[in-house]
């Protein structure tokens, strides 16, 4: 493989990463579904609604200030 000079200096770590990627070949396929095991206090199942260029899920007001985890199931 011939390299073309781009004027950008390449660091040793970039060269190492690039050579590692080339030697590994194609990346393994990512599984379609994975299993999560989560411990928590409550669980809700809701549909994400369109909100401009994004999506939105409304949660109960007593959840404000608490940490949550969102997992897409379909």
Protein backbone atom coordinates (compact mmCIF):
# COMPACT_ATOMS: atom_id res chain seq x y z
CA UNK A 1 0.00 0.00 0.00
CA UNK A 2 1.53 3.32 -1.09
CA UNK A 3 1.13 6.32 1.22
CA UNK A 4 0.64 9.82 -0.16
CA UNK A 5 2.21 12.73 1.70
CA UNK A 6 -0.49 15.01 3.12
CA UNK A 7 1.69 17.51 4.94
CA UNK A 8 0.35 16.28 8.30
CA UNK A 9 2.85 14.93 10.81
CA UNK A 10 1.97 11.46 12.08
CA UNK A 11 2.70 10.60 15.69
CA UNK A 12 4.07 7.23 16.82
CA UNK A 13 0.76 6.35 18.50
CA UNK A 14 -1.18 7.08 15.30
CA UNK A 15 1.20 4.84 13.32
CA UNK A 16 0.86 2.06 15.91
CA UNK A 17 -2.94 2.30 15.86
CA UNK A 18 -3.02 2.33 12.06
CA UNK A 19 -0.76 -0.71 11.75
CA UNK A 20 -2.77 -2.59 14.40
CA UNK A 21 -5.98 -1.91 12.49
CA UNK A 22 -4.43 -3.14 9.24
CA UNK A 23 -3.09 -6.32 10.83
CA UNK A 24 -6.45 -7.16 12.46
CA UNK A 25 -8.32 -7.06 9.16
CA UNK A 26 -12.05 -6.46 9.15
CA UNK A 27 -13.75 -5.74 12.46
CA UNK A 28 -15.94 -8.54 13.86
CA UNK A 29 -19.68 -8.24 13.26
CA UNK A 30 -21.60 -6.42 16.00
CA UNK A 31 -24.44 -8.51 17.47
CA UNK A 32 -27.95 -7.24 16.77
CA UNK A 33 -29.15 -7.74 20.36
CA UNK A 34 -27.29 -7.82 23.65
CA UNK A 35 -28.37 -8.66 27.19
CA UNK A 36 -28.15 -6.07 29.97
CA UNK A 37 -28.60 -6.79 33.65
CA UNK A 38 -29.46 -3.64 35.60
CA UNK A 39 -30.43 -3.20 39.24
CA UNK A 40 -32.67 -0.27 40.04
CA UNK A 41 -35.64 1.13 41.92
CA UNK A 42 -38.37 1.37 39.26
CA UNK A 43 -38.88 0.65 35.59
CA UNK A 44 -41.18 2.25 33.03
CA UNK A 45 -41.71 1.21 29.44
CA UNK A 46 -42.57 4.11 27.15
CA UNK A 47 -42.52 5.04 23.48
CA UNK A 48 -40.15 7.78 22.35
CA UNK A 49 -42.06 10.68 20.75
CA UNK A 50 -40.77 12.98 18.02
CA UNK A 51 -39.57 16.35 19.27
CA UNK A 52 -38.11 18.55 16.54
CA UNK A 53 -34.98 16.81 15.21
CA UNK A 54 -34.78 14.53 18.23
CA UNK A 55 -36.81 12.20 20.41
CA UNK A 56 -38.32 12.72 23.85
CA UNK A 57 -39.50 10.55 26.72
CA UNK A 58 -41.43 12.09 29.60
CA UNK A 59 -40.66 10.71 33.06
CA UNK A 60 -42.40 11.27 36.40
CA UNK A 61 -41.51 14.53 38.14
CA UNK A 62 -40.25 12.68 41.23
CA UNK A 63 -37.49 11.19 39.01
CA UNK A 64 -36.00 14.67 38.45
CA UNK A 65 -32.48 14.83 39.84
CA UNK A 66 -32.05 11.05 39.80
CA UNK A 67 -29.79 9.05 37.52
CA UNK A 68 -31.53 6.90 34.90
CA UNK A 69 -30.46 4.44 32.18
CA UNK A 70 -32.27 4.22 28.86
CA UNK A 71 -32.12 0.97 26.85
CA UNK A 72 -33.63 0.72 23.36
CA UNK A 73 -35.46 -2.59 23.12
CA UNK A 74 -36.55 -2.61 19.45
